[in-house]
Amino acid sequence: MQMPVTVLGLGSMGAALAGAFLDAGHPTTVWNRTAARATPLADRGAHPSATVVDAVTASPLVITCLTTFDATMKTLEPAAAALGGRILVTLNSGAPAEARRTAAWAAEHGIRFLGGAIKNVPAAVGLPDTLLYYGGDRAAFDEVEPALRALGGDTVHLGDEPDLAALYEMAVGGTLLPALVGFFQGAAAVQARGLEASTLVPYTVKWLEMIASVLPVFAGEIDSGDYSRPMSSVGIFAAGMEAEREFATEAGVDGAWLAPLHDLLRRAIQEGHGEHSVAALTEVLKTPA
């Protein structure tokens, strides 16, 4: 028999997590503040609980998918005693400091803690290439890893520090909004010419693939601290600033989001990085303006 699991929080992601456990044959208990959200999962065989205490008591593995670490602790506080000795896995957003506070709270109550992160959308939960990573108690991870793999085939333990998943979540997630805003600006610009945003997609995908291909080179430069052999220099990026502003003006779109990036390039040049790899921006970022 597969390990029983409890899922607390049945938003779109939480419901996907519970569904993946059900598909993998795990007896699955669910709870949500709005009880009606559990009905579709109950129709698939999940066991709804009326209280958090009942839900926690039902399983040795408890997964929370709530909005923040604070919301998670507030929800779990009435069930803290019942959680003692069980494995708690948090799958929510938040800063590393918040993950550490949650881990400390768990330790005070004898709860075995893993902080996790899902690096995909709800529809991808359960797929072989979906990435989830975790930080915290290695022995606890090894114990529940077979169950966690129901959520995604690319399941990684980052290390014993309980905030590692939050650290990597924030560090990796920092690329998302700038990339999306860049695409949204491009979409607005091509629409201003009477073209459809969908025409951008194949070329943007190719561009993102190119970016992915050079990340190992940039990471090597950052780790070594040697920026002297650039593929693309800070100066080259700075030379394109005026063209970027003109492009936004001509397209009639708001290019103000570029201003902080241009300021970063100017700071890098002022600090002597004009001929260095653009990866030297990392050094500038280490000293906030």
C-alpha atoms as a PDB file:
ATOM      1  CA  MET A   1       0.000   0.000   0.000  1.00  0.00           C
ATOM      2  CA  GLN A   2       1.275   3.449  -0.911  1.00  0.00           C
ATOM      3  CA  MET A   3       2.078   5.918   1.881  1.00  0.00           C
ATOM      4  CA  PRO A   4      -0.961   7.905   3.058  1.00  0.00           C
ATOM      5  CA  VAL A   5      -0.601  11.634   2.491  1.00  0.00           C
ATOM      6  CA  THR A   6      -2.473  14.739   3.569  1.00  0.00           C
ATOM      7  CA  VAL A   7      -2.703  17.869   1.420  1.00  0.00           C
ATOM      8  CA  LEU A   8      -3.694  21.139   3.077  1.00  0.00           C
ATOM      9  CA  GLY A   9      -4.735  23.923   0.721  1.00  0.00           C
ATOM     10  CA  LEU A  10      -6.696  23.160  -2.441  1.00  0.00           C
ATOM     11  CA  GLY A  11      -6.111  26.063  -4.749  1.00  0.00           C
ATOM     12  CA  SER A  12      -5.173  25.213  -8.323  1.00  0.00           C
ATOM     13  CA  MET A  13      -1.733  23.929  -7.309  1.00  0.00           C
ATOM     14  CA  GLY A  14      -2.868  22.165  -4.131  1.00  0.00           C
ATOM     15  CA  ALA A  15      -5.641  20.401  -6.017  1.00  0.00           C
ATOM     16  CA  ALA A  16      -3.111  19.297  -8.636  1.00  0.00           C
ATOM     17  CA  LEU A  17      -0.845  17.898  -5.904  1.00  0.00           C
ATOM     18  CA  ALA A  18      -3.686  15.942  -4.333  1.00  0.00           C
ATOM     19  CA  GLY A  19      -4.743  14.677  -7.743  1.00  0.00           C
ATOM     20  CA  ALA A  20      -1.226  13.440  -8.480  1.00  0.00           C
ATOM     21  CA  PHE A  21      -1.114  11.507  -5.215  1.00  0.00           C
ATOM     22  CA  LEU A  22      -4.491   9.946  -6.011  1.00  0.00           C
ATOM     23  CA  ASP A  23      -3.322   8.998  -9.504  1.00  0.00           C
ATOM     24  CA  ALA A  24      -0.270   7.307  -7.975  1.00  0.00           C
ATOM     25  CA  GLY A  25      -2.444   5.277  -5.600  1.00  0.00           C
ATOM     26  CA  HIS A  26      -1.727   7.084  -2.337  1.00  0.00           C
ATOM     27  CA  PRO A  27      -4.567   7.249   0.196  1.00  0.00           C
ATOM     28  CA  THR A  28      -5.062  11.013   0.184  1.00  0.00           C
ATOM     29  CA  THR A  29      -6.684  13.178   2.845  1.00  0.00           C
ATOM     30  CA  VAL A  30      -7.479  16.777   1.922  1.00  0.00           C
ATOM     31  CA  TRP A  31      -8.474  19.936   3.746  1.00  0.00           C
ATOM     32  CA  ASN A  32      -9.303  23.433   2.596  1.00  0.00           C
ATOM     33  CA  ARG A  33     -10.696  26.425   4.424  1.00  0.00           C
ATOM     34  CA  THR A  34     -13.502  26.503   1.843  1.00  0.00           C
ATOM     35  CA  ALA A  35     -14.687  22.913   2.122  1.00  0.00           C
ATOM     36  CA  ALA A  36     -16.419  22.849  -1.271  1.00  0.00           C
ATOM     37  CA  ARG A  37     -13.031  22.858  -2.996  1.00  0.00           C
ATOM     38  CA  ALA A  38     -12.536  19.286  -1.780  1.00  0.00           C
ATOM     39  CA  THR A  39     -15.622  17.946  -3.587  1.00  0.00           C
ATOM     40  CA  PRO A  40     -13.986  17.192  -6.990  1.00  0.00           C
ATOM     41  CA  LEU A  41     -11.157  15.371  -5.225  1.00  0.00           C
ATOM     42  CA  ALA A  42     -13.586  13.459  -3.017  1.00  0.00           C
ATOM     43  CA  ASP A  43     -15.300  12.292  -6.200  1.00  0.00           C
ATOM     44  CA  ARG A  44     -11.931  10.838  -7.227  1.00  0.00           C
ATOM     45  CA  GLY A  45     -11.425   9.026  -3.923  1.00  0.00           C
ATOM     46  CA  ALA A  46      -9.850  11.602  -1.611  1.00  0.00           C
ATOM     47  CA  HIS A  47     -10.926  11.798   2.031  1.00  0.00           C
ATOM     48  CA  PRO A  48     -12.008  15.330   3.008  1.00  0.00           C
ATOM     49  CA  SER A  49     -11.424  16.408   6.601  1.00  0.00           C
ATOM     50  CA  ALA A  50     -13.479  18.963   8.454  1.00  0.00           C
ATOM     51  CA  THR A  51     -10.547  20.169  10.565  1.00  0.00           C
ATOM     52  CA  VAL A  52      -6.807  20.577  10.172  1.00  0.00           C
ATOM     53  CA  VAL A  53      -6.234  18.356  13.209  1.00  0.00           C
ATOM     54  CA  ASP A  54      -8.210  15.501  11.646  1.00  0.00           C
ATOM     55  CA  ALA A  55      -6.404  15.950   8.338  1.00  0.00           C
ATOM     56  CA  VAL A  56      -2.959  15.913   9.940  1.00  0.00           C
ATOM     57  CA  THR A  57      -3.735  12.880  12.077  1.00  0.00           C
ATOM     58  CA  ALA A  58      -4.663  10.856   9.010  1.00  0.00           C
ATOM     59  CA  SER A  59      -1.184  10.660   7.470  1.00  0.00           C
ATOM     60  CA  PRO A  60       2.514  10.451   8.303  1.00  0.00           C
ATOM     61  CA  LEU A  61       3.268  12.857   5.422  1.00  0.00           C
ATOM     62  CA  VAL A  62       1.619  16.278   5.414  1.00  0.00           C
ATOM     63  CA  ILE A  63       1.918  18.579   2.397  1.00  0.00           C
ATOM     64  CA  THR A  64       0.927  22.213   2.715  1.00  0.00           C
ATOM     65  CA  CYS A  65       0.224  24.358  -0.339  1.00  0.00           C
ATOM     66  CA  LEU A  66      -0.846  27.668   1.167  1.00  0.00           C
ATOM     67  CA  THR A  67       0.074  31.184   0.126  1.00  0.00           C
ATOM     68  CA  THR A  68       2.950  31.985   2.502  1.00  0.00           C
ATOM     69  CA  PHE A  69       4.980  30.522   5.349  1.00  0.00           C
ATOM     70  CA  ASP A  70       3.088  32.716   7.805  1.00  0.00           C
ATOM     71  CA  ALA A  71      -0.239  31.423   6.496  1.00  0.00           C
ATOM     72  CA  THR A  72       1.097  27.890   6.809  1.00  0.00           C
ATOM     73  CA  MET A  73       2.112  28.322  10.468  1.00  0.00           C
ATOM     74  CA  LYS A  74      -1.180  30.011  11.367  1.00  0.00           C
ATOM     75  CA  THR A  75      -3.103  27.164   9.745  1.00  0.00           C
ATOM     76  CA  LEU A  76      -1.020  24.481  11.434  1.00  0.00           C
ATOM     77  CA  GLU A  77      -0.822  26.014  14.911  1.00  0.00           C
ATOM     78  CA  PRO A  78      -3.992  24.271  16.192  1.00  0.00           C
ATOM     79  CA  ALA A  79      -2.575  20.959  14.960  1.00  0.00           C
ATOM     80  CA  ALA A  80       1.002  21.419  16.182  1.00  0.00           C
ATOM     81  CA  ALA A  81       0.745  18.673  18.798  1.00  0.00           C
ATOM     82  CA  ALA A  82      -0.764  16.243  16.285  1.00  0.00           C
ATOM     83  CA  LEU A  83       2.051  16.977  13.826  1.00  0.00           C
ATOM     84  CA  GLY A  84       4.765  15.845  16.235  1.00  0.00           C
ATOM     85  CA  GLY A  85       6.853  13.075  14.694  1.00  0.00           C
ATOM     86  CA  ARG A  86       5.283  13.516  11.261  1.00  0.00           C
ATOM     87  CA  ILE A  87       6.987  14.862   8.146  1.00  0.00           C
ATOM     88  CA  LEU A  88       5.819  18.304   7.053  1.00  0.00           C
ATOM     89  CA  VAL A  89       6.557  19.481   3.514  1.00  0.00           C
ATOM     90  CA  THR A  90       5.789  23.107   2.686  1.00  0.00           C
ATOM     91  CA  LEU A  91       5.217  24.001  -0.963  1.00  0.00           C
ATOM     92  CA  ASN A  92       4.617  27.726  -0.954  1.00  0.00           C
ATOM     93  CA  SER A  93       6.376  30.934  -1.898  1.00  0.00           C
ATOM     94  CA  GLY A  94       8.415  32.976   0.552  1.00  0.00           C
ATOM     95  CA  ALA A  95      11.847  34.267   1.467  1.00  0.00           C
ATOM     96  CA  PRO A  96      14.587  32.045   2.928  1.00  0.00           C
ATOM     97  CA  ALA A  97      14.268  33.782   6.314  1.00  0.00           C
ATOM     98  CA  GLU A  98      10.597  32.802   6.427  1.00  0.00           C
ATOM     99  CA  ALA A  99      11.515  29.197   5.658  1.00  0.00           C
ATOM    100  CA  ARG A 100      14.026  29.218   8.521  1.00  0.00           C
ATOM    101  CA  ARG A 101      11.404  30.569  10.924  1.00  0.00           C
ATOM    102  CA  THR A 102       8.993  27.848   9.849  1.00  0.00           C
ATOM    103  CA  ALA A 103      11.665  25.182  10.291  1.00  0.00           C
ATOM    104  CA  ALA A 104      12.418  26.509  13.782  1.00  0.00           C
ATOM    105  CA  TRP A 105       8.714  26.415  14.641  1.00  0.00           C
ATOM    106  CA  ALA A 106       8.536  22.828  13.369  1.00  0.00           C
ATOM    107  CA  ALA A 107      11.578  21.822  15.416  1.00  0.00           C
ATOM    108  CA  GLU A 108      10.018  23.276  18.577  1.00  0.00           C
ATOM    109  CA  HIS A 109       7.047  20.961  18.068  1.00  0.00           C
ATOM    110  CA  GLY A 110       9.009  17.849  17.115  1.00  0.00           C
ATOM    111  CA  ILE A 111       7.956  18.067  13.473  1.00  0.00           C
ATOM    112  CA  ARG A 112      10.302  16.799  10.761  1.00  0.00           C
ATOM    113  CA  PHE A 113      10.541  19.587   8.201  1.00  0.00           C
ATOM    114  CA  LEU A 114      11.202  19.823   4.470  1.00  0.00           C
ATOM    115  CA  GLY A 115      10.811  23.108   2.621  1.00  0.00           C
ATOM    116  CA  GLY A 116      10.041  22.560  -1.039  1.00  0.00           C
ATOM    117  CA  ALA A 117       9.318  24.398  -4.270  1.00  0.00           C
ATOM    118  CA  ILE A 118       7.479  23.453  -7.460  1.00  0.00           C
ATOM    119  CA  LYS A 119       9.113  24.782 -10.611  1.00  0.00           C
ATOM    120  CA  ASN A 120       6.199  24.394 -12.980  1.00  0.00           C
ATOM    121  CA  VAL A 121       2.494  25.087 -13.451  1.00  0.00           C
ATOM    122  CA  PRO A 122      -0.354  23.007 -11.948  1.00  0.00           C
ATOM    123  CA  ALA A 123      -1.025  21.186 -15.211  1.00  0.00           C
ATOM    124  CA  ALA A 124       2.536  19.806 -15.151  1.00  0.00           C
ATOM    125  CA  VAL A 125       2.305  18.275 -11.666  1.00  0.00           C
ATOM    126  CA  GLY A 126       2.964  14.546 -11.857  1.00  0.00           C
ATOM    127  CA  LEU A 127       4.827  14.599 -15.172  1.00  0.00           C
ATOM    128  CA  PRO A 128       8.207  12.833 -15.483  1.00  0.00           C
ATOM    129  CA  ASP A 129      10.179  16.026 -16.203  1.00  0.00           C
ATOM    130  CA  THR A 130       8.501  18.304 -13.665  1.00  0.00           C
ATOM    131  CA  LEU A 131      11.046  19.732 -11.233  1.00  0.00           C
ATOM    132  CA  LEU A 132      10.516  19.969  -7.482  1.00  0.00           C
ATOM    133  CA  TYR A 133      13.335  20.589  -5.057  1.00  0.00           C
ATOM    134  CA  TYR A 134      13.569  20.369  -1.289  1.00  0.00           C
ATOM    135  CA  GLY A 135      15.803  21.432   1.562  1.00  0.00           C
ATOM    136  CA  GLY A 136      15.916  20.062   5.093  1.00  0.00           C
ATOM    137  CA  ASP A 137      16.151  16.769   6.953  1.00  0.00           C
ATOM    138  CA  ARG A 138      17.837  14.313   4.578  1.00  0.00           C
ATOM    139  CA  ALA A 139      16.602  11.258   6.463  1.00  0.00           C
ATOM    140  CA  ALA A 140      13.030  12.559   6.219  1.00  0.00           C
ATOM    141  CA  PHE A 141      13.470  13.207   2.501  1.00  0.00           C
ATOM    142  CA  ASP A 142      14.789   9.694   1.884  1.00  0.00           C
ATOM    143  CA  GLU A 143      11.805   8.290   3.762  1.00  0.00           C
ATOM    144  CA  VAL A 144       9.186  10.081   1.682  1.00  0.00           C
ATOM    145  CA  GLU A 145      11.005  10.499  -1.638  1.00  0.00           C
ATOM    146  CA  PRO A 146       9.037   7.685  -3.349  1.00  0.00           C
ATOM    147  CA  ALA A 147       5.801   9.471  -2.451  1.00  0.00           C
ATOM    148  CA  LEU A 148       7.131  12.892  -3.470  1.00  0.00           C
ATOM    149  CA  ARG A 149       8.056  11.540  -6.893  1.00  0.00           C
ATOM    150  CA  ALA A 150       4.326  11.273  -7.595  1.00  0.00           C
ATOM    151  CA  LEU A 151       4.433  15.072  -7.915  1.00  0.00           C
ATOM    152  CA  GLY A 152       7.192  15.168 -10.517  1.00  0.00           C
ATOM    153  CA  GLY A 153       9.906  12.911 -11.828  1.00  0.00           C
ATOM    154  CA  ASP A 154      12.688  15.489 -11.401  1.00  0.00           C
ATOM    155  CA  THR A 155      12.776  15.439  -7.595  1.00  0.00           C
ATOM    156  CA  VAL A 156      15.921  16.880  -5.979  1.00  0.00           C
ATOM    157  CA  HIS A 157      17.225  17.232  -2.411  1.00  0.00           C
ATOM    158  CA  LEU A 158      19.356  20.391  -2.315  1.00  0.00           C
ATOM    159  CA  GLY A 159      20.865  19.902   1.144  1.00  0.00           C
ATOM    160  CA  ASP A 160      20.137  19.822   4.852  1.00  0.00           C
ATOM    161  CA  GLU A 161      19.540  23.561   5.279  1.00  0.00           C
ATOM    162  CA  PRO A 162      15.769  24.036   5.525  1.00  0.00           C
ATOM    163  CA  ASP A 163      15.740  27.286   3.508  1.00  0.00           C
ATOM    164  CA  LEU A 164      17.518  26.027   0.399  1.00  0.00           C
ATOM    165  CA  ALA A 165      14.372  25.508  -1.645  1.00  0.00           C
ATOM    166  CA  ALA A 166      13.225  29.040  -0.809  1.00  0.00           C
ATOM    167  CA  LEU A 167      16.687  30.359  -1.698  1.00  0.00           C
ATOM    168  CA  TYR A 168      16.707  28.661  -5.085  1.00  0.00           C
ATOM    169  CA  GLU A 169      13.042  29.506  -5.633  1.00  0.00           C
ATOM    170  CA  MET A 170      13.789  33.215  -5.260  1.00  0.00           C
ATOM    171  CA  ALA A 171      17.121  33.050  -7.095  1.00  0.00           C
ATOM    172  CA  VAL A 172      15.717  31.189 -10.093  1.00  0.00           C
ATOM    173  CA  GLY A 173      12.374  32.984 -10.021  1.00  0.00           C
ATOM    174  CA  GLY A 174      14.090  36.340 -10.445  1.00  0.00           C
ATOM    175  CA  THR A 175      14.416  35.629 -14.156  1.00  0.00           C
ATOM    176  CA  LEU A 176      10.675  35.217 -14.694  1.00  0.00           C
ATOM    177  CA  LEU A 177       9.136  38.681 -14.514  1.00  0.00           C
ATOM    178  CA  PRO A 178      11.859  40.515 -16.512  1.00  0.00           C
ATOM    179  CA  ALA A 179      11.647  37.879 -19.248  1.00  0.00           C
ATOM    180  CA  LEU A 180       7.867  38.047 -19.348  1.00  0.00           C
ATOM    181  CA  VAL A 181       7.785  41.851 -19.348  1.00  0.00           C
ATOM    182  CA  GLY A 182      10.256  41.824 -22.235  1.00  0.00           C
ATOM    183  CA  PHE A 183       7.908  39.534 -24.146  1.00  0.00           C
ATOM    184  CA  PHE A 184       4.873  41.645 -23.241  1.00  0.00           C
ATOM    185  CA  GLN A 185       6.618  44.796 -24.491  1.00  0.00           C
ATOM    186  CA  GLY A 186       7.443  43.023 -27.725  1.00  0.00           C
ATOM    187  CA  ALA A 187       3.837  41.866 -28.040  1.00  0.00           C
ATOM    188  CA  ALA A 188       2.589  45.441 -27.614  1.00  0.00           C
ATOM    189  CA  ALA A 189       5.092  46.653 -30.209  1.00  0.00           C
ATOM    190  CA  VAL A 190       4.137  44.148 -32.911  1.00  0.00           C
ATOM    191  CA  GLN A 191       0.445  44.759 -32.268  1.00  0.00           C
ATOM    192  CA  ALA A 192       1.116  48.463 -32.841  1.00  0.00           C
ATOM    193  CA  ARG A 193       2.205  47.421 -36.335  1.00  0.00           C
ATOM    194  CA  GLY A 194      -0.966  45.426 -36.890  1.00  0.00           C
ATOM    195  CA  LEU A 195       0.710  42.060 -36.271  1.00  0.00           C
ATOM    196  CA  GLU A 196      -0.319  39.326 -33.840  1.00  0.00           C
ATOM    197  CA  ALA A 197       1.602  38.601 -30.656  1.00  0.00           C
ATOM    198  CA  SER A 198       1.562  34.916 -31.565  1.00  0.00           C
ATOM    199  CA  THR A 199       4.010  35.639 -34.407  1.00  0.00           C
ATOM    200  CA  LEU A 200       6.668  36.357 -31.758  1.00  0.00           C
ATOM    201  CA  VAL A 201       6.439  33.001 -30.051  1.00  0.00           C
ATOM    202  CA  PRO A 202       8.712  30.782 -32.192  1.00  0.00           C
ATOM    203  CA  TYR A 203      11.448  33.429 -32.328  1.00  0.00           C
ATOM    204  CA  THR A 204      11.218  34.181 -28.607  1.00  0.00           C
ATOM    205  CA  VAL A 205      11.513  30.482 -27.831  1.00  0.00           C
ATOM    206  CA  LYS A 206      14.676  30.288 -29.941  1.00  0.00           C
ATOM    207  CA  TRP A 207      16.026  33.334 -28.131  1.00  0.00           C
ATOM    208  CA  LEU A 208      15.340  31.791 -24.724  1.00  0.00           C
ATOM    209  CA  GLU A 209      17.044  28.580 -25.846  1.00  0.00           C
ATOM    210  CA  MET A 210      20.105  30.623 -26.796  1.00  0.00           C
ATOM    211  CA  ILE A 211      20.080  32.272 -23.371  1.00  0.00           C
ATOM    212  CA  ALA A 212      19.872  28.843 -21.749  1.00  0.00           C
ATOM    213  CA  SER A 213      22.878  27.689 -23.743  1.00  0.00           C
ATOM    214  CA  VAL A 214      25.142  30.480 -22.452  1.00  0.00           C
ATOM    215  CA  LEU A 215      24.155  30.346 -18.774  1.00  0.00           C
ATOM    216  CA  PRO A 216      26.871  27.750 -17.949  1.00  0.00           C
ATOM    217  CA  VAL A 217      29.493  30.103 -19.419  1.00  0.00           C
ATOM    218  CA  PHE A 218      28.237  33.045 -17.386  1.00  0.00           C
ATOM    219  CA  ALA A 219      28.062  30.901 -14.240  1.00  0.00           C
ATOM    220  CA  GLY A 220      31.673  29.854 -14.787  1.00  0.00           C
ATOM    221  CA  GLU A 221      32.751  33.477 -15.093  1.00  0.00           C
ATOM    222  CA  ILE A 222      30.887  34.410 -11.913  1.00  0.00           C
ATOM    223  CA  ASP A 223      32.287  31.493  -9.916  1.00  0.00           C
ATOM    224  CA  SER A 224      35.852  32.227 -11.075  1.00  0.00           C
ATOM    225  CA  GLY A 225      35.546  36.010 -10.867  1.00  0.00           C
ATOM    226  CA  ASP A 226      37.223  36.273 -14.284  1.00  0.00           C
ATOM    227  CA  TYR A 227      35.212  38.460 -16.675  1.00  0.00           C
ATOM    228  CA  SER A 228      38.104  39.271 -19.003  1.00  0.00           C
ATOM    229  CA  ARG A 229      37.095  37.113 -21.988  1.00  0.00           C
ATOM    230  CA  PRO A 230      33.557  38.265 -22.738  1.00  0.00           C
ATOM    231  CA  MET A 231      31.166  36.718 -25.209  1.00  0.00           C
ATOM    232  CA  SER A 232      29.269  39.983 -24.869  1.00  0.00           C
ATOM    233  CA  SER A 233      30.507  42.927 -22.866  1.00  0.00           C
ATOM    234  CA  VAL A 234      28.792  45.396 -20.579  1.00  0.00           C
ATOM    235  CA  GLY A 235      29.726  48.097 -23.099  1.00  0.00           C
ATOM    236  CA  ILE A 236      27.879  46.354 -25.917  1.00  0.00           C
ATOM    237  CA  PHE A 237      24.715  46.194 -23.841  1.00  0.00           C
ATOM    238  CA  ALA A 238      25.144  49.835 -22.839  1.00  0.00           C
ATOM    239  CA  ALA A 239      25.533  50.857 -26.479  1.00  0.00           C
ATOM    240  CA  GLY A 240      22.052  49.460 -27.157  1.00  0.00           C
ATOM    241  CA  MET A 241      20.291  51.524 -24.490  1.00  0.00           C
ATOM    242  CA  GLU A 242      19.346  54.407 -26.761  1.00  0.00           C
ATOM    243  CA  ALA A 243      17.965  52.036 -29.405  1.00  0.00           C
ATOM    244  CA  GLU A 244      15.825  50.350 -26.741  1.00  0.00           C
ATOM    245  CA  ARG A 245      14.408  53.707 -25.675  1.00  0.00           C
ATOM    246  CA  GLU A 246      13.714  54.710 -29.291  1.00  0.00           C
ATOM    247  CA  PHE A 247      12.028  51.370 -29.949  1.00  0.00           C
ATOM    248  CA  ALA A 248       9.658  51.863 -27.010  1.00  0.00           C
ATOM    249  CA  THR A 249       8.870  55.432 -28.078  1.00  0.00           C
ATOM    250  CA  GLU A 250       8.194  54.492 -31.698  1.00  0.00           C
ATOM    251  CA  ALA A 251       5.970  51.586 -30.661  1.00  0.00           C
ATOM    252  CA  GLY A 252       4.097  53.797 -28.207  1.00  0.00           C
ATOM    253  CA  VAL A 253       4.761  51.472 -25.269  1.00  0.00           C
ATOM    254  CA  ASP A 254       5.942  52.199 -21.744  1.00  0.00           C
ATOM    255  CA  GLY A 255       9.662  51.506 -21.585  1.00  0.00           C
ATOM    256  CA  ALA A 256      10.111  52.790 -18.043  1.00  0.00           C
ATOM    257  CA  TRP A 257      10.757  49.249 -16.787  1.00  0.00           C
ATOM    258  CA  LEU A 258      14.106  49.373 -18.620  1.00  0.00           C
ATOM    259  CA  ALA A 259      15.411  52.364 -16.628  1.00  0.00           C
ATOM    260  CA  PRO A 260      16.749  50.362 -13.638  1.00  0.00           C
ATOM    261  CA  LEU A 261      18.496  47.962 -16.007  1.00  0.00           C
ATOM    262  CA  HIS A 262      20.121  50.866 -17.834  1.00  0.00           C
ATOM    263  CA  ASP A 263      21.168  52.358 -14.491  1.00  0.00           C
ATOM    264  CA  LEU A 264      22.814  49.043 -13.624  1.00  0.00           C
ATOM    265  CA  LEU A 265      24.775  49.111 -16.873  1.00  0.00           C
ATOM    266  CA  ARG A 266      25.939  52.684 -16.186  1.00  0.00           C
ATOM    267  CA  ARG A 267      27.082  51.720 -12.685  1.00  0.00           C
ATOM    268  CA  ALA A 268      29.026  48.787 -14.128  1.00  0.00           C
ATOM    269  CA  ILE A 269      30.831  51.053 -16.562  1.00  0.00           C
ATOM    270  CA  GLN A 270      31.595  53.560 -13.798  1.00  0.00           C
ATOM    271  CA  GLU A 271      33.112  50.718 -11.779  1.00  0.00           C
ATOM    272  CA  GLY A 272      35.400  49.744 -14.663  1.00  0.00           C
ATOM    273  CA  HIS A 273      33.486  46.834 -16.165  1.00  0.00           C
ATOM    274  CA  GLY A 274      32.824  48.328 -19.609  1.00  0.00           C
ATOM    275  CA  GLU A 275      35.078  45.830 -21.413  1.00  0.00           C
ATOM    276  CA  HIS A 276      34.180  42.925 -19.124  1.00  0.00           C
ATOM    277  CA  SER A 277      31.606  40.232 -19.697  1.00  0.00           C
ATOM    278  CA  VAL A 278      28.048  41.295 -19.013  1.00  0.00           C
ATOM    279  CA  ALA A 279      28.143  38.672 -16.257  1.00  0.00           C
ATOM    280  CA  ALA A 280      30.195  41.244 -14.299  1.00  0.00           C
ATOM    281  CA  LEU A 281      26.843  42.872 -13.482  1.00  0.00           C
ATOM    282  CA  THR A 282      26.800  40.269 -10.716  1.00  0.00           C
ATOM    283  CA  GLU A 283      29.603  42.163  -8.989  1.00  0.00           C
ATOM    284  CA  VAL A 284      27.653  45.416  -9.204  1.00  0.00           C
ATOM    285  CA  LEU A 285      24.552  43.738  -7.787  1.00  0.00           C
ATOM    286  CA  LYS A 286      26.545  42.629  -4.738  1.00  0.00           C
ATOM    287  CA  THR A 287      26.665  46.292  -3.663  1.00  0.00           C
ATOM    288  CA  PRO A 288      23.151  47.767  -3.633  1.00  0.00           C
ATOM    289  CA  ALA A 289      22.920  51.349  -4.946  1.00  0.00           C
END
